[in-house]
C-alpha atoms as a PDB file:
ATOM      1  CA  UNK A   1     -12.132   5.231 -22.185  1.00  0.00           C
ATOM      2  CA  UNK A   2      -8.488   5.005 -21.183  1.00  0.00           C
ATOM      3  CA  UNK A   3      -6.293   1.951 -20.836  1.00  0.00           C
ATOM      4  CA  UNK A   4      -2.742   2.226 -19.518  1.00  0.00           C
ATOM      5  CA  UNK A   5      -0.432  -0.781 -19.558  1.00  0.00           C
ATOM      6  CA  UNK A   6       2.650  -1.166 -17.406  1.00  0.00           C
ATOM      7  CA  UNK A   7       5.090  -3.807 -16.211  1.00  0.00           C
ATOM      8  CA  UNK A   8       6.980  -4.647 -19.377  1.00  0.00           C
ATOM      9  CA  UNK A   9      10.740  -4.878 -19.601  1.00  0.00           C
ATOM     10  CA  UNK A  10      13.715  -7.051 -20.395  1.00  0.00           C
ATOM     11  CA  UNK A  11      13.734 -10.544 -18.902  1.00  0.00           C
ATOM     12  CA  UNK A  12      15.825 -13.648 -19.441  1.00  0.00           C
ATOM     13  CA  UNK A  13      14.315 -16.818 -20.905  1.00  0.00           C
ATOM     14  CA  UNK A  14      12.493 -18.722 -18.207  1.00  0.00           C
ATOM     15  CA  UNK A  15      11.805 -15.568 -16.238  1.00  0.00           C
ATOM     16  CA  UNK A  16       8.553 -13.938 -15.183  1.00  0.00           C
ATOM     17  CA  UNK A  17       6.799 -10.614 -15.550  1.00  0.00           C
ATOM     18  CA  UNK A  18       3.469  -9.266 -14.400  1.00  0.00           C
ATOM     19  CA  UNK A  19       1.715  -6.809 -16.655  1.00  0.00           C
ATOM     20  CA  UNK A  20      -1.000  -4.454 -15.424  1.00  0.00           C
ATOM     21  CA  UNK A  21      -3.624  -2.496 -17.307  1.00  0.00           C
ATOM     22  CA  UNK A  22      -5.374   0.327 -15.457  1.00  0.00           C
ATOM     23  CA  UNK A  23      -8.756   1.200 -16.938  1.00  0.00           C
ATOM     24  CA  UNK A  24     -10.931   4.290 -16.639  1.00  0.00           C
ATOM     25  CA  UNK A  25     -13.846   5.968 -18.361  1.00  0.00           C
ATOM     26  CA  UNK A  26     -16.241   3.044 -18.286  1.00  0.00           C
ATOM     27  CA  UNK A  27     -17.766   0.630 -15.788  1.00  0.00           C
ATOM     28  CA  UNK A  28     -14.872  -1.784 -15.713  1.00  0.00           C
ATOM     29  CA  UNK A  29     -16.667  -4.575 -13.856  1.00  0.00           C
ATOM     30  CA  UNK A  30     -19.202  -5.017 -16.652  1.00  0.00           C
ATOM     31  CA  UNK A  31     -16.811  -5.763 -19.503  1.00  0.00           C
ATOM     32  CA  UNK A  32     -14.672  -8.545 -20.858  1.00  0.00           C
ATOM     33  CA  UNK A  33     -11.019  -7.548 -20.874  1.00  0.00           C
ATOM     34  CA  UNK A  34      -8.352  -8.929 -23.177  1.00  0.00           C
ATOM     35  CA  UNK A  35      -4.598  -8.938 -23.614  1.00  0.00           C
ATOM     36  CA  UNK A  36      -3.116  -8.949 -27.107  1.00  0.00           C
ATOM     37  CA  UNK A  37       0.444  -8.855 -28.342  1.00  0.00           C
ATOM     38  CA  UNK A  38       2.218  -7.847 -31.502  1.00  0.00           C
ATOM     39  CA  UNK A  39       5.691  -9.093 -32.332  1.00  0.00           C
ATOM     40  CA  UNK A  40       7.904  -7.320 -34.879  1.00  0.00           C
ATOM     41  CA  UNK A  41       6.704  -8.070 -38.395  1.00  0.00           C
ATOM     42  CA  UNK A  42       3.681 -10.015 -37.194  1.00  0.00           C
ATOM     43  CA  UNK A  43      -0.017  -9.351 -36.796  1.00  0.00           C
ATOM     44  CA  UNK A  44      -1.523  -8.540 -33.430  1.00  0.00           C
ATOM     45  CA  UNK A  45      -2.819 -11.692 -31.735  1.00  0.00           C
ATOM     46  CA  UNK A  46      -5.053 -12.493 -28.798  1.00  0.00           C
ATOM     47  CA  UNK A  47      -3.144 -13.737 -25.776  1.00  0.00           C
ATOM     48  CA  UNK A  48      -5.838 -14.045 -23.109  1.00  0.00           C
ATOM     49  CA  UNK A  49      -9.282 -12.812 -22.155  1.00  0.00           C
ATOM     50  CA  UNK A  50     -11.340 -12.737 -18.975  1.00  0.00           C
ATOM     51  CA  UNK A  51     -15.046 -12.279 -18.392  1.00  0.00           C
ATOM     52  CA  UNK A  52     -16.469  -9.366 -16.433  1.00  0.00           C
ATOM     53  CA  UNK A  53     -16.588 -11.141 -13.067  1.00  0.00           C
ATOM     54  CA  UNK A  54     -13.458 -13.129 -13.755  1.00  0.00           C
ATOM     55  CA  UNK A  55     -15.186 -16.474 -13.815  1.00  0.00           C
ATOM     56  CA  UNK A  56     -14.068 -17.519 -17.258  1.00  0.00           C
ATOM     57  CA  UNK A  57     -10.737 -17.144 -19.003  1.00  0.00           C
ATOM     58  CA  UNK A  58      -9.421 -18.013 -22.433  1.00  0.00           C
ATOM     59  CA  UNK A  59      -5.837 -18.363 -23.639  1.00  0.00           C
ATOM     60  CA  UNK A  60      -3.931 -18.708 -26.866  1.00  0.00           C
ATOM     61  CA  UNK A  61      -2.499 -22.191 -27.198  1.00  0.00           C
ATOM     62  CA  UNK A  62       1.012 -20.751 -27.238  1.00  0.00           C
ATOM     63  CA  UNK A  63       0.697 -19.396 -23.678  1.00  0.00           C
ATOM     64  CA  UNK A  64      -1.533 -21.969 -21.975  1.00  0.00           C
ATOM     65  CA  UNK A  65      -0.012 -23.196 -18.746  1.00  0.00           C
ATOM     66  CA  UNK A  66       2.474 -20.294 -18.615  1.00  0.00           C
ATOM     67  CA  UNK A  67       0.346 -17.127 -18.543  1.00  0.00           C
ATOM     68  CA  UNK A  68      -2.521 -16.243 -16.210  1.00  0.00           C
ATOM     69  CA  UNK A  69      -5.013 -13.423 -16.723  1.00  0.00           C
ATOM     70  CA  UNK A  70      -6.808 -11.975 -13.711  1.00  0.00           C
ATOM     71  CA  UNK A  71      -8.640  -8.820 -12.721  1.00  0.00           C
ATOM     72  CA  UNK A  72      -9.404  -6.708  -9.692  1.00  0.00           C
ATOM     73  CA  UNK A  73     -12.704  -4.942 -10.286  1.00  0.00           C
ATOM     74  CA  UNK A  74     -12.237  -2.841  -7.162  1.00  0.00           C
ATOM     75  CA  UNK A  75      -9.048  -1.414  -8.686  1.00  0.00           C
ATOM     76  CA  UNK A  76     -10.265  -1.299 -12.312  1.00  0.00           C
ATOM     77  CA  UNK A  77      -7.191  -3.269 -13.287  1.00  0.00           C
ATOM     78  CA  UNK A  78      -6.513  -6.375 -15.344  1.00  0.00           C
ATOM     79  CA  UNK A  79      -3.288  -8.340 -14.999  1.00  0.00           C
ATOM     80  CA  UNK A  80      -1.262 -10.774 -17.043  1.00  0.00           C
ATOM     81  CA  UNK A  81       1.125 -12.961 -15.077  1.00  0.00           C
ATOM     82  CA  UNK A  82       3.701 -14.385 -17.451  1.00  0.00           C
ATOM     83  CA  UNK A  83       5.905 -17.264 -16.326  1.00  0.00           C
ATOM     84  CA  UNK A  84       8.335 -19.409 -18.241  1.00  0.00           C
ATOM     85  CA  UNK A  85       8.942 -16.657 -20.758  1.00  0.00           C
ATOM     86  CA  UNK A  86      10.437 -17.576 -24.110  1.00  0.00           C
ATOM     87  CA  UNK A  87      12.162 -15.435 -26.733  1.00  0.00           C
ATOM     88  CA  UNK A  88       9.109 -15.862 -28.944  1.00  0.00           C
ATOM     89  CA  UNK A  89       7.039 -14.048 -26.313  1.00  0.00           C
ATOM     90  CA  UNK A  90       8.902 -10.854 -27.208  1.00  0.00           C
ATOM     91  CA  UNK A  91       6.271  -8.342 -28.306  1.00  0.00           C
ATOM     92  CA  UNK A  92       4.379  -5.211 -27.406  1.00  0.00           C
ATOM     93  CA  UNK A  93       1.513  -6.236 -25.141  1.00  0.00           C
ATOM     94  CA  UNK A  94      -1.789  -4.367 -25.287  1.00  0.00           C
ATOM     95  CA  UNK A  95      -4.964  -4.530 -23.291  1.00  0.00           C
ATOM     96  CA  UNK A  96      -8.291  -4.057 -24.987  1.00  0.00           C
ATOM     97  CA  UNK A  97     -11.927  -3.504 -24.153  1.00  0.00           C
ATOM     98  CA  UNK A  98     -14.887  -3.544 -26.505  1.00  0.00           C
ATOM     99  CA  UNK A  99     -17.131  -0.749 -25.265  1.00  0.00           C
ATOM    100  CA  UNK A 100     -20.273   0.378 -27.092  1.00  0.00           C
ATOM    101  CA  UNK A 101     -19.229  -1.738 -30.094  1.00  0.00           C
ATOM    102  CA  UNK A 102     -15.874   0.046 -30.357  1.00  0.00           C
ATOM    103  CA  UNK A 103     -12.517  -1.536 -29.546  1.00  0.00           C
ATOM    104  CA  UNK A 104     -10.338   0.594 -27.272  1.00  0.00           C
ATOM    105  CA  UNK A 105      -6.630  -0.123 -26.907  1.00  0.00           C
ATOM    106  CA  UNK A 106      -3.877   1.024 -24.624  1.00  0.00           C
ATOM    107  CA  UNK A 107      -0.540   2.210 -25.985  1.00  0.00           C
ATOM    108  CA  UNK A 108       1.125  -1.047 -25.039  1.00  0.00           C
ATOM    109  CA  UNK A 109       4.090  -2.170 -22.990  1.00  0.00           C
ATOM    110  CA  UNK A 110       7.166  -3.808 -24.484  1.00  0.00           C
ATOM    111  CA  UNK A 111       8.272  -7.226 -23.280  1.00  0.00           C
ATOM    112  CA  UNK A 112      11.668  -8.423 -24.437  1.00  0.00           C
ATOM    113  CA  UNK A 113      12.818 -11.945 -23.622  1.00  0.00           C
ATOM    114  CA  UNK A 114      16.510 -12.331 -24.263  1.00  0.00           C
ATOM    115  CA  UNK A 115      19.675 -13.565 -22.646  1.00  0.00           C
END
Protein backbone atom coordinates (compact mmCIF):
# COMPACT_ATOMS: atom_id res chain seq x y z
CA UNK A 1 0.00 0.00 0.00
CA UNK A 2 1.33 3.41 -0.96
CA UNK A 3 -0.24 6.81 -0.48
CA UNK A 4 1.38 9.94 -1.88
CA UNK A 5 0.00 13.37 -1.04
CA UNK A 6 0.63 16.51 -3.05
CA UNK A 7 -0.69 20.03 -3.50
CA UNK A 8 0.33 21.69 -0.26
CA UNK A 9 2.02 25.06 -0.05
CA UNK A 10 1.85 28.58 1.27
CA UNK A 11 -1.44 30.43 0.82
CA UNK A 12 -2.88 33.65 2.17
CA UNK A 13 -5.89 33.65 4.49
CA UNK A 14 -9.06 33.29 2.46
CA UNK A 15 -7.25 31.44 -0.30
CA UNK A 16 -7.74 27.96 -1.71
CA UNK A 17 -5.72 24.81 -2.26
CA UNK A 18 -6.50 21.41 -3.68
CA UNK A 19 -4.73 18.44 -2.18
CA UNK A 20 -4.39 15.11 -3.97
CA UNK A 21 -3.56 11.67 -2.67
CA UNK A 22 -2.52 9.03 -5.20
CA UNK A 23 -3.06 5.49 -3.97
CA UNK A 24 -1.61 2.17 -5.08
CA UNK A 25 -1.19 -1.38 -3.85
CA UNK A 26 -4.82 -2.08 -3.06
CA UNK A 27 -8.21 -1.97 -4.75
CA UNK A 28 -8.84 1.70 -4.20
CA UNK A 29 -12.51 1.68 -5.17
CA UNK A 30 -13.41 -0.67 -2.31
CA UNK A 31 -12.15 1.42 0.59
CA UNK A 32 -13.09 4.44 2.63
CA UNK A 33 -10.48 7.16 2.30
CA UNK A 34 -9.75 9.86 4.85
CA UNK A 35 -7.82 13.09 5.21
CA UNK A 36 -6.23 13.96 8.54
CA UNK A 37 -4.10 16.88 9.64
CA UNK A 38 -1.60 17.56 12.36
CA UNK A 39 -0.74 21.09 13.44
CA UNK A 40 2.46 21.87 15.35
CA UNK A 41 2.14 20.75 18.96
CA UNK A 42 -1.26 19.17 18.40
CA UNK A 43 -2.60 15.68 17.90
CA UNK A 44 -3.51 14.39 14.47
CA UNK A 45 -7.20 14.95 13.75
CA UNK A 46 -9.70 13.73 11.19
CA UNK A 47 -10.58 16.35 8.61
CA UNK A 48 -12.82 14.47 6.18
CA UNK A 49 -13.71 11.00 4.98
CA UNK A 50 -15.45 9.55 1.94
CA UNK A 51 -17.02 6.17 1.32
CA UNK A 52 -15.77 3.79 -1.35
CA UNK A 53 -18.17 4.94 -4.08
CA UNK A 54 -18.13 8.52 -2.92
CA UNK A 55 -21.75 8.58 -1.90
CA UNK A 56 -21.21 9.63 1.68
CA UNK A 57 -18.84 12.15 3.19
CA UNK A 58 -18.06 13.29 6.71
CA UNK A 59 -16.30 16.44 7.90
CA UNK A 60 -14.84 17.88 11.06
CA UNK A 61 -16.98 20.73 12.33
CA UNK A 62 -14.05 23.11 11.90
CA UNK A 63 -13.97 22.63 8.11
CA UNK A 64 -17.64 22.11 7.24
CA UNK A 65 -18.74 24.41 4.45
CA UNK A 66 -15.14 25.22 3.47
CA UNK A 67 -13.55 21.88 2.55
CA UNK A 68 -14.79 19.25 0.12
CA UNK A 69 -13.52 15.68 -0.14
CA UNK A 70 -13.94 13.79 -3.40
CA UNK A 71 -12.44 10.83 -5.21
CA UNK A 72 -11.82 9.53 -8.69
CA UNK A 73 -11.80 5.74 -8.56
CA UNK A 74 -10.60 5.54 -12.15
CA UNK A 75 -7.47 7.47 -11.15
CA UNK A 76 -7.05 5.91 -7.68
CA UNK A 77 -6.96 9.41 -6.24
CA UNK A 78 -8.70 11.21 -3.41
CA UNK A 79 -8.86 15.00 -3.25
CA UNK A 80 -9.40 17.67 -0.64
CA UNK A 81 -10.56 21.02 -1.96
CA UNK A 82 -9.90 23.65 0.68
CA UNK A 83 -11.52 27.07 0.37
CA UNK A 84 -11.64 29.97 2.76
CA UNK A 85 -8.41 28.90 4.40
CA UNK A 86 -7.60 30.23 7.85
CA UNK A 87 -4.31 30.41 9.73
CA UNK A 88 -5.59 27.67 12.03
CA UNK A 89 -5.75 25.33 9.03
CA UNK A 90 -1.95 25.34 8.96
CA UNK A 91 -0.85 21.73 9.36
CA UNK A 92 0.62 18.71 7.65
CA UNK A 93 -2.20 16.96 5.81
CA UNK A 94 -2.21 13.18 5.49
CA UNK A 95 -4.40 10.73 3.67
CA UNK A 96 -5.19 7.39 5.23
CA UNK A 97 -6.71 4.06 4.33
CA UNK A 98 -7.58 1.20 6.65
CA UNK A 99 -6.65 -1.92 4.72
CA UNK A 100 -6.78 -5.42 6.21
CA UNK A 101 -7.28 -3.88 9.67
CA UNK A 102 -4.09 -1.82 9.36
CA UNK A 103 -3.98 1.96 8.97
CA UNK A 104 -1.72 3.13 6.15
CA UNK A 105 -0.61 6.75 5.94
CA UNK A 106 1.12 8.90 3.38
CA UNK A 107 4.08 11.09 4.29
CA UNK A 108 1.92 14.19 4.27
CA UNK A 109 1.91 17.56 2.56
CA UNK A 110 2.41 20.84 4.40
CA UNK A 111 -0.21 23.56 4.19
CA UNK A 112 0.73 26.95 5.57
CA UNK A 113 -1.86 29.72 5.76
CA UNK A 114 -0.22 33.04 6.42
CA UNK A 115 -0.13 36.59 5.15
